[in-house]
Amino acid sequence: MICSYGGSGTEWLPENALDRSKLGMGSGGQPDVQSGLMTDPTAIKQMPVFAVGLMKGEHGEGNEGRGLAHRSPMPADAQPRRLLLTLDML
């Protein structure tokens, strides 16, 4: 579960808009746009602030290797900080 309580809402990428080999260390420390992680930067989706997202990870049955790729939005002058709550099922 993920919810933004302040600042900008969490962003996520549809499966067809990302290259999973570039997630985490695969990015080589480069920003998403430069690393090739996003194959279609115009496909970024954003949750509204206070919306609760239930994001299925890759450990979910039938979802192996296809967990939702979410990301923090770039800070803006008007909203340089954000407050985010995440809960993970263990």
N, C-alpha and C. Protein backbone atom coordinates (compact mmCIF):
# COMPACT_ATOMS: atom_id res chain seq x y z
N MET A 1 0.85 -1.16 0.00
CA MET A 1 0.00 0.00 0.00
C MET A 1 0.89 1.23 0.00
N ILE A 2 0.49 2.26 -0.72
CA ILE A 2 1.27 3.48 -0.79
C ILE A 2 0.31 4.67 -0.84
N CYS A 3 0.64 5.72 -0.10
CA CYS A 3 -0.20 6.92 -0.08
C CYS A 3 0.68 8.15 0.15
N SER A 4 0.51 9.17 -0.66
CA SER A 4 1.20 10.45 -0.48
C SER A 4 0.28 11.37 0.30
N TYR A 5 0.78 11.87 1.43
CA TYR A 5 -0.02 12.77 2.27
C TYR A 5 0.37 14.23 2.10
N GLY A 6 1.44 14.50 1.42
CA GLY A 6 1.86 15.86 1.18
C GLY A 6 2.77 15.91 -0.03
N GLY A 7 2.78 17.03 -0.73
CA GLY A 7 3.61 17.14 -1.92
C GLY A 7 2.93 16.50 -3.10
N SER A 8 3.71 15.98 -4.02
CA SER A 8 3.17 15.36 -5.23
C SER A 8 2.87 13.88 -5.01
N GLY A 9 1.89 13.36 -5.73
CA GLY A 9 1.54 11.95 -5.63
C GLY A 9 2.57 11.06 -6.31
N THR A 10 2.61 9.81 -5.90
CA THR A 10 3.54 8.82 -6.44
C THR A 10 3.28 8.58 -7.93
N GLU A 11 4.36 8.43 -8.67
CA GLU A 11 4.26 8.12 -10.10
C GLU A 11 4.47 6.62 -10.31
N TRP A 12 3.93 6.11 -11.40
CA TRP A 12 4.15 4.71 -11.77
C TRP A 12 4.20 4.59 -13.28
N LEU A 13 4.82 3.51 -13.73
CA LEU A 13 4.99 3.28 -15.16
C LEU A 13 4.26 2.01 -15.59
N PRO A 14 3.49 2.08 -16.66
CA PRO A 14 2.89 0.87 -17.20
C PRO A 14 3.99 -0.07 -17.72
N GLU A 15 3.70 -1.33 -17.75
CA GLU A 15 4.68 -2.35 -18.16
C GLU A 15 5.29 -2.06 -19.53
N ASN A 16 4.47 -1.57 -20.46
CA ASN A 16 4.97 -1.35 -21.82
C ASN A 16 5.84 -0.09 -21.95
N ALA A 17 6.03 0.64 -20.85
CA ALA A 17 6.78 1.90 -20.90
C ALA A 17 8.11 1.82 -20.15
N LEU A 18 8.55 0.59 -19.80
CA LEU A 18 9.80 0.49 -19.06
C LEU A 18 10.63 -0.70 -19.50
N ASP A 19 11.93 -0.57 -19.27
CA ASP A 19 12.89 -1.65 -19.52
C ASP A 19 13.34 -2.15 -18.15
N ARG A 20 12.82 -3.30 -17.72
CA ARG A 20 13.09 -3.82 -16.38
C ARG A 20 14.57 -4.07 -16.11
N SER A 21 15.37 -4.28 -17.14
CA SER A 21 16.80 -4.51 -16.92
C SER A 21 17.49 -3.26 -16.38
N LYS A 22 16.83 -2.11 -16.46
CA LYS A 22 17.40 -0.85 -15.99
C LYS A 22 16.93 -0.46 -14.59
N LEU A 23 16.14 -1.31 -13.94
CA LEU A 23 15.70 -1.04 -12.57
C LEU A 23 16.87 -1.21 -11.59
N GLY A 24 16.86 -0.44 -10.51
CA GLY A 24 17.88 -0.57 -9.47
C GLY A 24 19.28 -0.31 -9.99
N MET A 25 20.18 -1.25 -9.73
CA MET A 25 21.58 -1.10 -10.13
C MET A 25 21.75 -1.13 -11.65
N GLY A 26 20.77 -1.62 -12.37
CA GLY A 26 20.85 -1.68 -13.83
C GLY A 26 20.88 -0.31 -14.49
N SER A 27 20.53 0.73 -13.72
CA SER A 27 20.55 2.09 -14.27
C SER A 27 21.94 2.68 -14.30
N GLY A 28 22.88 2.05 -13.62
CA GLY A 28 24.25 2.57 -13.56
C GLY A 28 24.33 3.92 -12.87
N GLY A 29 23.36 4.22 -12.00
CA GLY A 29 23.36 5.48 -11.28
C GLY A 29 22.85 6.66 -12.07
N GLN A 30 22.39 6.42 -13.28
CA GLN A 30 21.88 7.51 -14.13
C GLN A 30 20.42 7.79 -13.82
N PRO A 31 19.96 9.01 -14.07
CA PRO A 31 18.53 9.32 -13.93
C PRO A 31 17.71 8.45 -14.88
N ASP A 32 16.45 8.23 -14.54
CA ASP A 32 15.57 7.36 -15.33
C ASP A 32 15.55 7.72 -16.81
N VAL A 33 15.48 8.99 -17.12
CA VAL A 33 15.37 9.42 -18.52
C VAL A 33 16.63 9.08 -19.30
N GLN A 34 17.80 9.18 -18.66
CA GLN A 34 19.06 8.91 -19.34
C GLN A 34 19.43 7.43 -19.36
N SER A 35 18.99 6.67 -18.35
CA SER A 35 19.40 5.27 -18.23
C SER A 35 18.72 4.35 -19.25
N GLY A 36 17.60 4.80 -19.79
CA GLY A 36 16.84 3.94 -20.70
C GLY A 36 15.76 3.16 -19.97
N LEU A 37 15.59 3.38 -18.67
CA LEU A 37 14.54 2.71 -17.91
C LEU A 37 13.17 2.98 -18.52
N MET A 38 12.91 4.24 -18.82
CA MET A 38 11.62 4.61 -19.40
C MET A 38 11.71 4.55 -20.92
N THR A 39 10.98 3.63 -21.51
CA THR A 39 10.97 3.54 -22.96
C THR A 39 9.99 4.54 -23.57
N ASP A 40 9.07 5.05 -22.74
CA ASP A 40 8.12 6.05 -23.17
C ASP A 40 7.84 7.01 -22.01
N PRO A 41 8.64 8.07 -21.87
CA PRO A 41 8.46 9.00 -20.75
C PRO A 41 7.08 9.66 -20.71
N THR A 42 6.37 9.70 -21.83
CA THR A 42 5.03 10.29 -21.83
C THR A 42 3.99 9.38 -21.19
N ALA A 43 4.37 8.14 -20.88
CA ALA A 43 3.42 7.18 -20.30
C ALA A 43 3.38 7.21 -18.77
N ILE A 44 4.16 8.09 -18.14
CA ILE A 44 4.17 8.17 -16.67
C ILE A 44 2.77 8.50 -16.18
N LYS A 45 2.31 7.75 -15.20
CA LYS A 45 1.01 7.98 -14.56
C LYS A 45 1.29 8.52 -13.16
N GLN A 46 0.35 9.27 -12.59
CA GLN A 46 0.54 9.82 -11.25
C GLN A 46 -0.72 9.65 -10.42
N MET A 47 -0.53 9.15 -9.20
CA MET A 47 -1.64 9.02 -8.26
C MET A 47 -1.92 10.38 -7.64
N PRO A 48 -3.18 10.71 -7.39
CA PRO A 48 -3.48 11.96 -6.68
C PRO A 48 -3.00 11.87 -5.22
N VAL A 49 -2.70 13.01 -4.62
CA VAL A 49 -2.37 13.06 -3.21
C VAL A 49 -3.57 12.53 -2.43
N PHE A 50 -3.33 11.77 -1.38
CA PHE A 50 -4.32 11.13 -0.50
C PHE A 50 -4.96 9.88 -1.10
N ALA A 51 -4.69 9.57 -2.37
CA ALA A 51 -5.20 8.33 -2.94
C ALA A 51 -4.40 7.17 -2.36
N VAL A 52 -5.05 6.06 -2.11
CA VAL A 52 -4.39 4.86 -1.59
C VAL A 52 -4.20 3.89 -2.75
N GLY A 53 -2.94 3.53 -2.99
CA GLY A 53 -2.64 2.58 -4.05
C GLY A 53 -2.26 1.22 -3.48
N LEU A 54 -2.89 0.20 -3.99
CA LEU A 54 -2.53 -1.18 -3.63
C LEU A 54 -1.75 -1.73 -4.82
N MET A 55 -0.46 -1.77 -4.66
CA MET A 55 0.43 -2.13 -5.77
C MET A 55 0.91 -3.56 -5.61
N LYS A 56 0.65 -4.35 -6.62
CA LYS A 56 1.03 -5.75 -6.58
C LYS A 56 2.49 -5.88 -6.99
N GLY A 57 3.28 -6.49 -6.13
CA GLY A 57 4.70 -6.69 -6.40
C GLY A 57 4.95 -7.97 -7.17
N GLU A 58 6.21 -8.20 -7.49
CA GLU A 58 6.55 -9.37 -8.30
C GLU A 58 6.50 -10.67 -7.52
N HIS A 59 6.33 -10.61 -6.19
CA HIS A 59 6.20 -11.84 -5.41
C HIS A 59 4.75 -12.33 -5.35
N GLY A 60 3.83 -11.54 -5.91
CA GLY A 60 2.44 -11.96 -5.96
C GLY A 60 2.26 -13.12 -6.94
N GLU A 61 1.40 -14.05 -6.59
CA GLU A 61 1.17 -15.22 -7.43
C GLU A 61 0.76 -14.81 -8.84
N GLY A 62 1.45 -15.32 -9.84
CA GLY A 62 1.17 -15.01 -11.23
C GLY A 62 1.74 -13.67 -11.69
N ASN A 63 2.47 -13.00 -10.81
CA ASN A 63 2.99 -11.67 -11.14
C ASN A 63 4.52 -11.63 -11.12
N GLU A 64 5.14 -12.79 -11.15
CA GLU A 64 6.59 -12.88 -11.07
C GLU A 64 7.26 -12.05 -12.17
N GLY A 65 8.21 -11.18 -11.77
CA GLY A 65 8.93 -10.36 -12.72
C GLY A 65 8.13 -9.22 -13.31
N ARG A 66 6.94 -8.95 -12.76
CA ARG A 66 6.09 -7.89 -13.32
C ARG A 66 5.52 -6.97 -12.24
N GLY A 67 6.24 -6.79 -11.14
CA GLY A 67 5.76 -5.90 -10.09
C GLY A 67 5.63 -4.48 -10.61
N LEU A 68 4.70 -3.74 -10.06
CA LEU A 68 4.48 -2.37 -10.51
C LEU A 68 5.72 -1.52 -10.24
N ALA A 69 6.18 -0.80 -11.23
CA ALA A 69 7.34 0.08 -11.10
C ALA A 69 6.84 1.47 -10.72
N HIS A 70 7.11 1.85 -9.46
CA HIS A 70 6.70 3.18 -9.02
C HIS A 70 7.93 4.02 -8.73
N ARG A 71 7.74 5.32 -8.73
CA ARG A 71 8.88 6.23 -8.59
C ARG A 71 8.44 7.51 -7.89
N SER A 72 9.40 8.20 -7.34
CA SER A 72 9.13 9.49 -6.72
C SER A 72 9.13 10.57 -7.79
N PRO A 73 8.16 11.47 -7.74
CA PRO A 73 8.15 12.56 -8.71
C PRO A 73 9.29 13.54 -8.43
N MET A 74 9.69 14.26 -9.45
CA MET A 74 10.72 15.29 -9.28
C MET A 74 10.16 16.39 -8.37
N PRO A 75 10.96 16.85 -7.40
CA PRO A 75 10.49 17.95 -6.54
C PRO A 75 10.25 19.21 -7.37
N ALA A 76 9.26 19.97 -6.99
CA ALA A 76 8.95 21.24 -7.66
C ALA A 76 9.17 22.37 -6.66
N ASP A 77 9.38 23.57 -7.16
CA ASP A 77 9.58 24.71 -6.27
C ASP A 77 8.39 24.89 -5.34
N ALA A 78 7.19 24.68 -5.86
CA ALA A 78 5.98 24.84 -5.06
C ALA A 78 5.81 23.71 -4.04
N GLN A 79 6.37 22.53 -4.34
CA GLN A 79 6.25 21.37 -3.45
C GLN A 79 7.60 20.65 -3.39
N PRO A 80 8.58 21.23 -2.68
CA PRO A 80 9.91 20.63 -2.66
C PRO A 80 10.01 19.35 -1.83
N ARG A 81 9.04 19.12 -0.95
CA ARG A 81 9.05 17.93 -0.10
C ARG A 81 7.74 17.19 -0.24
N ARG A 82 7.78 15.91 0.18
CA ARG A 82 6.54 15.14 0.20
C ARG A 82 6.53 14.21 1.40
N LEU A 83 5.36 13.82 1.82
CA LEU A 83 5.19 12.89 2.92
C LEU A 83 4.53 11.64 2.35
N LEU A 84 5.21 10.51 2.49
CA LEU A 84 4.79 9.27 1.86
C LEU A 84 4.68 8.17 2.92
N LEU A 85 3.60 7.40 2.85
CA LEU A 85 3.42 6.25 3.73
C LEU A 85 3.36 5.01 2.87
N THR A 86 4.20 4.01 3.19
CA THR A 86 4.14 2.72 2.50
C THR A 86 4.00 1.62 3.55
N LEU A 87 3.24 0.60 3.22
CA LEU A 87 3.10 -0.59 4.05
C LEU A 87 3.35 -1.79 3.15
N ASP A 88 4.24 -2.66 3.59
CA ASP A 88 4.55 -3.87 2.83
C ASP A 88 4.05 -5.09 3.58
N MET A 89 3.44 -6.01 2.85
CA MET A 89 3.00 -7.26 3.45
C MET A 89 4.21 -8.20 3.50
N LEU A 90 4.50 -8.70 4.66
CA LEU A 90 5.65 -9.60 4.81
C LEU A 90 5.18 -11.02 5.05
